[in-house]
N, C-alpha and C. Protein backbone atom coordinates (compact mmCIF):
# COMPACT_ATOMS: atom_id res chain seq x y z
N MET A 1 62.87 136.00 -2.78
CA MET A 1 61.84 135.29 -2.05
C MET A 1 61.36 136.10 -0.86
N LYS A 2 62.25 136.79 -0.14
CA LYS A 2 61.86 137.62 0.99
C LYS A 2 60.92 138.72 0.53
N GLN A 3 61.18 139.28 -0.62
CA GLN A 3 60.39 140.38 -1.15
C GLN A 3 58.94 139.96 -1.36
N LYS A 4 58.65 138.75 -1.89
CA LYS A 4 57.29 138.28 -2.14
C LYS A 4 56.53 138.09 -0.83
N GLY A 5 57.14 137.55 0.19
CA GLY A 5 56.50 137.36 1.50
C GLY A 5 56.13 138.69 2.12
N PHE A 6 57.00 139.64 2.00
CA PHE A 6 56.75 140.95 2.56
C PHE A 6 55.55 141.60 1.86
N THR A 7 55.38 141.42 0.58
CA THR A 7 54.28 141.99 -0.18
C THR A 7 52.96 141.36 0.23
N ILE A 8 52.93 140.08 0.48
CA ILE A 8 51.71 139.40 0.93
C ILE A 8 51.29 139.93 2.30
N VAL A 9 52.23 140.14 3.20
CA VAL A 9 51.93 140.70 4.53
C VAL A 9 51.34 142.11 4.37
N GLU A 10 51.92 142.90 3.48
CA GLU A 10 51.40 144.24 3.25
C GLU A 10 49.97 144.20 2.73
N ILE A 11 49.69 143.28 1.83
CA ILE A 11 48.33 143.15 1.28
C ILE A 11 47.35 142.74 2.37
N ILE A 12 47.74 141.79 3.21
CA ILE A 12 46.86 141.34 4.31
C ILE A 12 46.58 142.49 5.28
N VAL A 13 47.61 143.26 5.61
CA VAL A 13 47.44 144.41 6.51
C VAL A 13 46.52 145.45 5.86
N ALA A 14 46.71 145.72 4.58
CA ALA A 14 45.87 146.70 3.87
C ALA A 14 44.41 146.24 3.84
N ILE A 15 44.20 144.95 3.59
CA ILE A 15 42.83 144.41 3.58
C ILE A 15 42.21 144.54 4.98
N ALA A 16 42.98 144.25 6.01
CA ALA A 16 42.47 144.37 7.38
C ALA A 16 42.09 145.81 7.70
N ILE A 17 42.89 146.75 7.27
CA ILE A 17 42.58 148.17 7.50
C ILE A 17 41.31 148.57 6.75
N ILE A 18 41.18 148.14 5.51
CA ILE A 18 39.99 148.46 4.71
C ILE A 18 38.74 147.85 5.33
N VAL A 19 38.83 146.59 5.78
CA VAL A 19 37.68 145.92 6.40
C VAL A 19 37.29 146.64 7.69
N SER A 20 38.28 147.05 8.47
CA SER A 20 37.98 147.78 9.71
C SER A 20 37.30 149.12 9.41
N ALA A 21 37.80 149.82 8.42
CA ALA A 21 37.21 151.10 8.05
C ALA A 21 35.77 150.92 7.56
N LEU A 22 35.53 149.90 6.73
CA LEU A 22 34.17 149.63 6.25
C LEU A 22 33.24 149.26 7.40
N GLY A 23 33.74 148.49 8.36
CA GLY A 23 32.94 148.14 9.54
C GLY A 23 32.54 149.37 10.33
N ALA A 24 33.47 150.29 10.50
CA ALA A 24 33.18 151.53 11.22
C ALA A 24 32.15 152.37 10.45
N ILE A 25 32.31 152.46 9.15
CA ILE A 25 31.37 153.24 8.34
C ILE A 25 29.98 152.61 8.39
N LEU A 26 29.89 151.28 8.27
CA LEU A 26 28.59 150.61 8.34
C LEU A 26 27.96 150.80 9.72
N GLY A 27 28.78 150.75 10.76
CA GLY A 27 28.28 150.99 12.12
C GLY A 27 27.71 152.39 12.26
N PHE A 28 28.39 153.37 11.68
CA PHE A 28 27.91 154.75 11.72
C PHE A 28 26.57 154.87 11.01
N PHE A 29 26.44 154.26 9.81
CA PHE A 29 25.19 154.35 9.07
C PHE A 29 24.06 153.63 9.80
N SER A 30 24.37 152.53 10.46
CA SER A 30 23.36 151.82 11.25
C SER A 30 22.88 152.70 12.40
N PHE A 31 23.81 153.34 13.10
CA PHE A 31 23.47 154.25 14.19
C PHE A 31 22.63 155.42 13.66
N GLU A 32 23.04 155.97 12.54
CA GLU A 32 22.33 157.10 11.94
C GLU A 32 20.91 156.70 11.56
N ALA A 33 20.72 155.48 11.06
CA ALA A 33 19.38 155.00 10.70
C ALA A 33 18.50 154.89 11.94
N LYS A 34 19.06 154.43 13.06
CA LYS A 34 18.30 154.35 14.31
C LYS A 34 17.89 155.73 14.80
N VAL A 35 18.81 156.67 14.73
CA VAL A 35 18.52 158.05 15.16
C VAL A 35 17.45 158.66 14.27
N ALA A 36 17.54 158.45 12.97
CA ALA A 36 16.55 158.99 12.03
C ALA A 36 15.18 158.38 12.29
N GLU A 37 15.11 157.10 12.56
CA GLU A 37 13.84 156.43 12.85
C GLU A 37 13.23 156.98 14.14
N ARG A 38 14.05 157.16 15.16
CA ARG A 38 13.55 157.71 16.43
C ARG A 38 13.00 159.12 16.22
N GLU A 39 13.69 159.93 15.44
CA GLU A 39 13.23 161.30 15.17
C GLU A 39 11.95 161.29 14.34
N ARG A 40 11.84 160.38 13.41
CA ARG A 40 10.63 160.25 12.60
C ARG A 40 9.43 159.91 13.49
N MET A 41 9.62 158.99 14.42
CA MET A 41 8.55 158.60 15.35
C MET A 41 8.19 159.77 16.27
N ARG A 42 9.18 160.50 16.73
CA ARG A 42 8.94 161.64 17.61
C ARG A 42 8.12 162.72 16.89
N LEU A 43 8.45 162.98 15.63
CA LEU A 43 7.71 163.97 14.85
C LEU A 43 6.27 163.53 14.59
N LYS A 44 6.06 162.24 14.36
CA LYS A 44 4.70 161.72 14.20
C LYS A 44 3.92 161.89 15.50
N ALA A 45 4.58 161.63 16.62
CA ALA A 45 3.93 161.77 17.93
C ALA A 45 3.54 163.21 18.18
N ILE A 46 4.42 164.14 17.88
CA ILE A 46 4.11 165.57 18.06
C ILE A 46 2.93 165.97 17.18
N SER A 47 2.89 165.47 15.96
CA SER A 47 1.78 165.76 15.06
C SER A 47 0.46 165.23 15.62
N LEU A 48 0.48 164.02 16.16
CA LEU A 48 -0.74 163.45 16.76
C LEU A 48 -1.17 164.25 17.99
N ALA A 49 -0.20 164.71 18.77
CA ALA A 49 -0.52 165.52 19.96
C ALA A 49 -1.14 166.85 19.55
N GLU A 50 -0.58 167.50 18.54
CA GLU A 50 -1.12 168.77 18.07
C GLU A 50 -2.52 168.59 17.50
N GLU A 51 -2.74 167.49 16.80
CA GLU A 51 -4.08 167.20 16.27
C GLU A 51 -5.08 167.07 17.41
N ALA A 52 -4.70 166.36 18.48
CA ALA A 52 -5.59 166.18 19.62
C ALA A 52 -5.89 167.52 20.29
N MET A 53 -4.91 168.39 20.38
CA MET A 53 -5.12 169.70 21.00
C MET A 53 -6.08 170.53 20.14
N GLU A 54 -5.90 170.50 18.82
CA GLU A 54 -6.81 171.23 17.93
C GLU A 54 -8.22 170.64 18.00
N ALA A 55 -8.32 169.32 18.10
CA ALA A 55 -9.63 168.67 18.24
C ALA A 55 -10.31 169.11 19.53
N THR A 56 -9.52 169.27 20.59
CA THR A 56 -10.06 169.73 21.87
C THR A 56 -10.58 171.16 21.75
N ARG A 57 -9.85 172.01 21.07
CA ARG A 57 -10.32 173.40 20.85
C ARG A 57 -11.61 173.41 20.02
N ASN A 58 -11.64 172.56 18.99
CA ASN A 58 -12.83 172.47 18.15
C ASN A 58 -14.03 171.99 18.98
N PHE A 59 -13.81 171.01 19.83
CA PHE A 59 -14.87 170.50 20.71
C PHE A 59 -15.35 171.62 21.63
N ARG A 60 -14.42 172.37 22.20
CA ARG A 60 -14.78 173.49 23.08
C ARG A 60 -15.64 174.51 22.32
N ASN A 61 -15.27 174.82 21.09
CA ASN A 61 -15.98 175.83 20.31
C ASN A 61 -17.38 175.39 19.87
N ASN A 62 -17.61 174.09 19.76
CA ASN A 62 -18.88 173.58 19.25
C ASN A 62 -19.80 173.01 20.33
N THR A 63 -19.46 173.24 21.60
CA THR A 63 -20.29 172.72 22.69
C THR A 63 -20.53 173.84 23.69
N THR A 64 -21.43 173.56 24.63
CA THR A 64 -21.68 174.48 25.73
C THR A 64 -20.83 174.02 26.90
N TRP A 65 -19.94 174.87 27.37
CA TRP A 65 -18.90 174.53 28.36
C TRP A 65 -19.40 173.65 29.50
N SER A 66 -20.40 174.12 30.23
CA SER A 66 -20.76 173.41 31.47
C SER A 66 -21.79 172.31 31.29
N SER A 67 -22.49 172.27 30.17
CA SER A 67 -23.50 171.22 30.02
C SER A 67 -23.06 170.10 29.09
N THR A 68 -22.46 170.43 27.95
CA THR A 68 -22.05 169.38 27.00
C THR A 68 -20.57 169.46 26.64
N GLY A 69 -19.86 170.40 27.25
CA GLY A 69 -18.48 170.63 26.85
C GLY A 69 -17.44 170.23 27.87
N ILE A 70 -16.30 170.88 27.78
CA ILE A 70 -15.13 170.53 28.61
C ILE A 70 -15.41 170.69 30.09
N GLY A 71 -16.19 171.70 30.47
CA GLY A 71 -16.52 171.90 31.89
C GLY A 71 -17.33 170.76 32.47
N ASN A 72 -17.93 169.95 31.63
CA ASN A 72 -18.75 168.82 32.05
C ASN A 72 -17.93 167.52 32.15
N LEU A 73 -16.69 167.52 31.63
CA LEU A 73 -15.86 166.30 31.64
C LEU A 73 -15.17 166.13 33.00
N SER A 74 -14.92 164.90 33.38
CA SER A 74 -14.24 164.61 34.65
C SER A 74 -12.77 164.96 34.55
N VAL A 75 -12.21 165.45 35.63
CA VAL A 75 -10.78 165.77 35.65
C VAL A 75 -9.99 164.52 36.03
N GLY A 76 -8.76 164.45 35.51
CA GLY A 76 -7.88 163.34 35.82
C GLY A 76 -8.21 162.03 35.13
N ILE A 77 -9.15 162.05 34.20
CA ILE A 77 -9.57 160.84 33.47
C ILE A 77 -8.99 160.90 32.06
N ASP A 78 -8.64 159.73 31.50
CA ASP A 78 -8.13 159.67 30.13
C ASP A 78 -9.26 159.81 29.12
N TYR A 79 -9.07 160.70 28.17
CA TYR A 79 -9.99 160.90 27.05
C TYR A 79 -9.19 160.87 25.76
N HIS A 80 -9.92 160.85 24.65
CA HIS A 80 -9.28 161.00 23.34
C HIS A 80 -10.27 161.61 22.37
N PRO A 81 -9.77 162.23 21.30
CA PRO A 81 -10.68 162.85 20.32
C PRO A 81 -11.25 161.80 19.38
N ALA A 82 -12.47 162.07 18.94
CA ALA A 82 -13.10 161.21 17.94
C ALA A 82 -13.83 162.11 16.95
N SER A 83 -13.63 161.87 15.69
CA SER A 83 -14.28 162.67 14.65
C SER A 83 -15.79 162.45 14.69
N SER A 84 -16.53 163.55 14.51
CA SER A 84 -17.99 163.45 14.49
C SER A 84 -18.52 164.36 13.39
N SER A 85 -19.83 164.30 13.18
CA SER A 85 -20.43 165.13 12.14
C SER A 85 -20.32 166.62 12.47
N ALA A 86 -20.25 166.96 13.76
CA ALA A 86 -20.13 168.36 14.19
C ALA A 86 -18.68 168.82 14.27
N GLY A 87 -17.75 167.95 14.00
CA GLY A 87 -16.32 168.29 14.09
C GLY A 87 -15.59 167.23 14.89
N TRP A 88 -15.52 167.44 16.21
CA TRP A 88 -14.83 166.49 17.09
C TRP A 88 -15.63 166.29 18.37
N ASP A 89 -15.57 165.06 18.87
CA ASP A 89 -16.08 164.73 20.20
C ASP A 89 -14.89 164.36 21.06
N ILE A 90 -15.07 164.41 22.35
CA ILE A 90 -14.06 163.94 23.30
C ILE A 90 -14.70 162.78 24.05
N ILE A 91 -14.11 161.58 23.91
CA ILE A 91 -14.69 160.40 24.55
C ILE A 91 -13.67 159.76 25.48
N SER A 92 -14.18 159.02 26.44
CA SER A 92 -13.29 158.45 27.46
C SER A 92 -12.45 157.31 26.90
N GLY A 93 -11.28 157.12 27.49
CA GLY A 93 -10.38 156.05 27.11
C GLY A 93 -9.15 156.53 26.38
N ILE A 94 -8.25 155.60 26.15
CA ILE A 94 -7.01 155.86 25.42
C ILE A 94 -7.19 155.36 23.99
N GLU A 95 -6.75 156.16 23.05
CA GLU A 95 -6.87 155.81 21.63
C GLU A 95 -5.56 155.20 21.13
N ASN A 96 -5.66 154.11 20.39
CA ASN A 96 -4.49 153.50 19.75
C ASN A 96 -4.52 153.81 18.27
N ILE A 97 -3.42 154.40 17.79
CA ILE A 97 -3.27 154.74 16.39
C ILE A 97 -1.97 154.09 15.92
N ASN A 98 -2.10 152.98 15.22
CA ASN A 98 -0.95 152.18 14.81
C ASN A 98 -0.09 151.87 16.03
N GLU A 99 1.16 152.31 16.05
CA GLU A 99 2.04 152.00 17.18
C GLU A 99 1.97 153.02 18.32
N PHE A 100 1.08 154.01 18.20
CA PHE A 100 0.98 155.09 19.18
C PHE A 100 -0.27 154.93 20.05
N SER A 101 -0.16 155.42 21.29
CA SER A 101 -1.31 155.55 22.18
C SER A 101 -1.48 157.04 22.46
N ARG A 102 -2.73 157.50 22.42
CA ARG A 102 -2.99 158.94 22.60
C ARG A 102 -4.04 159.12 23.68
N LYS A 103 -3.76 160.09 24.57
CA LYS A 103 -4.74 160.41 25.60
C LYS A 103 -4.72 161.90 25.90
N ILE A 104 -5.88 162.39 26.36
CA ILE A 104 -6.04 163.77 26.79
C ILE A 104 -6.53 163.72 28.23
N VAL A 105 -5.91 164.51 29.10
CA VAL A 105 -6.33 164.61 30.49
C VAL A 105 -6.64 166.07 30.79
N PHE A 106 -7.77 166.30 31.43
CA PHE A 106 -8.17 167.64 31.84
C PHE A 106 -7.97 167.78 33.34
N ASN A 107 -7.43 168.90 33.77
CA ASN A 107 -7.24 169.18 35.20
C ASN A 107 -7.86 170.52 35.54
N LYS A 108 -8.31 170.64 36.79
CA LYS A 108 -8.86 171.91 37.26
C LYS A 108 -7.76 172.94 37.37
N VAL A 109 -8.18 174.20 37.38
CA VAL A 109 -7.25 175.32 37.46
C VAL A 109 -7.70 176.24 38.59
N SER A 110 -6.72 176.75 39.32
CA SER A 110 -7.01 177.75 40.35
C SER A 110 -6.21 179.01 40.03
N ARG A 111 -6.71 180.11 40.53
CA ARG A 111 -6.06 181.40 40.27
C ARG A 111 -5.73 182.09 41.59
N ASP A 112 -4.64 182.85 41.58
CA ASP A 112 -4.23 183.59 42.77
C ASP A 112 -5.02 184.89 42.90
N ALA A 113 -4.67 185.70 43.86
CA ALA A 113 -5.38 186.97 44.11
C ALA A 113 -5.30 187.93 42.93
N ASN A 114 -4.28 187.78 42.08
CA ASN A 114 -4.13 188.65 40.90
C ASN A 114 -4.74 188.03 39.63
N SER A 115 -5.49 186.97 39.80
CA SER A 115 -6.15 186.24 38.70
C SER A 115 -5.16 185.51 37.80
N ASN A 116 -3.94 185.28 38.26
CA ASN A 116 -2.97 184.49 37.51
C ASN A 116 -3.17 183.02 37.81
N ILE A 117 -2.99 182.17 36.79
CA ILE A 117 -3.11 180.73 36.99
C ILE A 117 -2.00 180.26 37.92
N GLU A 118 -2.38 179.48 38.94
CA GLU A 118 -1.40 178.95 39.88
C GLU A 118 -0.75 177.70 39.28
N SER A 119 0.54 177.53 39.53
CA SER A 119 1.26 176.39 38.94
C SER A 119 0.76 175.05 39.48
N THR A 120 0.28 175.05 40.72
CA THR A 120 -0.29 173.85 41.33
C THR A 120 -1.73 174.16 41.73
N TYR A 121 -2.62 173.25 41.42
CA TYR A 121 -4.04 173.49 41.73
C TYR A 121 -4.26 173.64 43.22
N ASP A 122 -4.94 174.70 43.60
CA ASP A 122 -5.31 174.96 44.99
C ASP A 122 -6.78 174.59 45.15
N PRO A 123 -7.09 173.55 45.94
CA PRO A 123 -8.48 173.10 46.04
C PRO A 123 -9.40 174.06 46.81
N ASN A 124 -8.87 175.17 47.28
CA ASN A 124 -9.69 176.16 47.96
C ASN A 124 -10.77 176.64 46.97
N PRO A 125 -12.06 176.47 47.30
CA PRO A 125 -13.13 176.84 46.36
C PRO A 125 -13.07 178.29 45.88
N SER A 126 -12.56 179.19 46.71
CA SER A 126 -12.51 180.60 46.29
C SER A 126 -11.46 180.83 45.20
N ASN A 127 -10.51 179.92 45.04
CA ASN A 127 -9.46 180.05 44.02
C ASN A 127 -9.78 179.28 42.75
N ASP A 128 -10.78 178.39 42.81
CA ASP A 128 -11.12 177.55 41.66
C ASP A 128 -11.63 178.40 40.49
N ASP A 129 -11.16 178.07 39.29
CA ASP A 129 -11.65 178.74 38.08
C ASP A 129 -12.42 177.71 37.26
N PRO A 130 -13.73 177.69 37.37
CA PRO A 130 -14.52 176.68 36.66
C PRO A 130 -14.56 176.88 35.15
N ASN A 131 -14.08 178.02 34.67
CA ASN A 131 -14.10 178.32 33.24
C ASN A 131 -12.74 178.13 32.56
N THR A 132 -11.82 177.46 33.24
CA THR A 132 -10.51 177.16 32.66
C THR A 132 -10.13 175.73 33.02
N ARG A 133 -9.53 175.03 32.07
CA ARG A 133 -9.00 173.69 32.31
C ARG A 133 -7.59 173.60 31.76
N LYS A 134 -6.75 172.91 32.49
CA LYS A 134 -5.42 172.57 31.98
C LYS A 134 -5.60 171.31 31.14
N VAL A 135 -5.07 171.33 29.92
CA VAL A 135 -5.20 170.20 29.00
C VAL A 135 -3.82 169.60 28.76
N ILE A 136 -3.70 168.29 29.00
CA ILE A 136 -2.43 167.58 28.81
C ILE A 136 -2.67 166.47 27.80
N VAL A 137 -1.98 166.55 26.67
CA VAL A 137 -2.07 165.52 25.63
C VAL A 137 -0.77 164.74 25.65
N THR A 138 -0.88 163.42 25.77
CA THR A 138 0.30 162.56 25.81
C THR A 138 0.20 161.50 24.73
N ILE A 139 1.29 161.36 23.97
CA ILE A 139 1.41 160.32 22.95
C ILE A 139 2.54 159.39 23.40
N SER A 140 2.26 158.09 23.43
CA SER A 140 3.27 157.10 23.86
C SER A 140 3.47 156.06 22.77
N TRP A 141 4.68 155.49 22.73
CA TRP A 141 4.98 154.41 21.80
C TRP A 141 6.19 153.64 22.31
N ALA A 142 6.34 152.42 21.82
CA ALA A 142 7.47 151.57 22.20
C ALA A 142 8.62 151.79 21.22
N ASP A 143 9.83 151.83 21.77
CA ASP A 143 11.04 152.04 20.99
C ASP A 143 12.03 150.94 21.39
N ARG A 144 13.09 150.78 20.62
CA ARG A 144 14.13 149.80 20.98
C ARG A 144 14.71 150.08 22.35
N GLU A 145 14.71 151.35 22.73
CA GLU A 145 15.28 151.77 24.01
C GLU A 145 14.26 151.66 25.14
N GLY A 146 12.99 151.41 24.83
CA GLY A 146 11.94 151.34 25.84
C GLY A 146 10.74 152.17 25.47
N GLN A 147 9.97 152.56 26.47
CA GLN A 147 8.76 153.34 26.25
C GLN A 147 9.12 154.81 26.06
N MET A 148 8.61 155.43 25.01
CA MET A 148 8.85 156.83 24.69
C MET A 148 7.53 157.58 24.77
N SER A 149 7.60 158.91 24.98
CA SER A 149 6.38 159.71 24.99
C SER A 149 6.70 161.17 24.67
N GLU A 150 5.70 161.84 24.17
CA GLU A 150 5.72 163.28 23.92
C GLU A 150 4.46 163.85 24.56
N THR A 151 4.60 164.98 25.24
CA THR A 151 3.48 165.61 25.93
C THR A 151 3.43 167.08 25.59
N ILE A 152 2.23 167.58 25.34
CA ILE A 152 2.04 169.03 25.21
C ILE A 152 0.94 169.44 26.19
N LYS A 153 1.07 170.64 26.74
CA LYS A 153 0.13 171.15 27.74
C LYS A 153 -0.29 172.55 27.35
N THR A 154 -1.53 172.86 27.66
CA THR A 154 -2.03 174.23 27.48
C THR A 154 -3.22 174.44 28.39
N TYR A 155 -3.71 175.65 28.42
CA TYR A 155 -4.92 175.98 29.17
C TYR A 155 -5.99 176.37 28.17
N ILE A 156 -7.20 175.88 28.42
CA ILE A 156 -8.34 176.21 27.58
C ILE A 156 -9.38 176.88 28.46
N THR A 157 -9.92 177.96 27.94
CA THR A 157 -10.92 178.70 28.71
C THR A 157 -12.29 178.63 28.03
N ASN A 158 -13.29 178.92 28.83
CA ASN A 158 -14.65 179.08 28.34
C ASN A 158 -14.73 180.49 27.78
N TRP A 159 -14.38 180.66 26.52
CA TRP A 159 -14.29 181.99 25.93
C TRP A 159 -15.63 182.69 25.82
N ARG A 160 -16.71 181.96 25.99
CA ARG A 160 -18.02 182.59 25.92
C ARG A 160 -18.38 183.32 27.22
N GLU A 161 -17.64 183.07 28.27
CA GLU A 161 -17.90 183.73 29.58
C GLU A 161 -17.06 184.96 29.73
């Protein structure tokens, strides 16, 4: 009789160990699914940001810098790309694409005495470079952890000058 009781205890302990192990494995897969989803969203955001940067270059190439192009746009204002018959337009406002928000911001650029771009804009008119703009593309979205974003930055010049 003692032998049968001992076997039942062993079975209960074995079942408890198996259930604990399965719980840990399921927890790992749940965590892995969250990480994979976050990475998938991040890659989509990067793709949208790169598309906006290419649209900005296309807009620059198909317009006249100071009259209809980037040199004519306000600095520090939110813009977004919009497809047009000529390629791309840049229009004011933030664009919503499914769960993402996309914006482009243009900033003035100044150059030092060696014609190098300064890391911080110097409002001194003699340092201002009217033929270059800093372009910042930001993609934002909501995640379980909160608000997420990806940003890419570059400088675009008036290559015709």
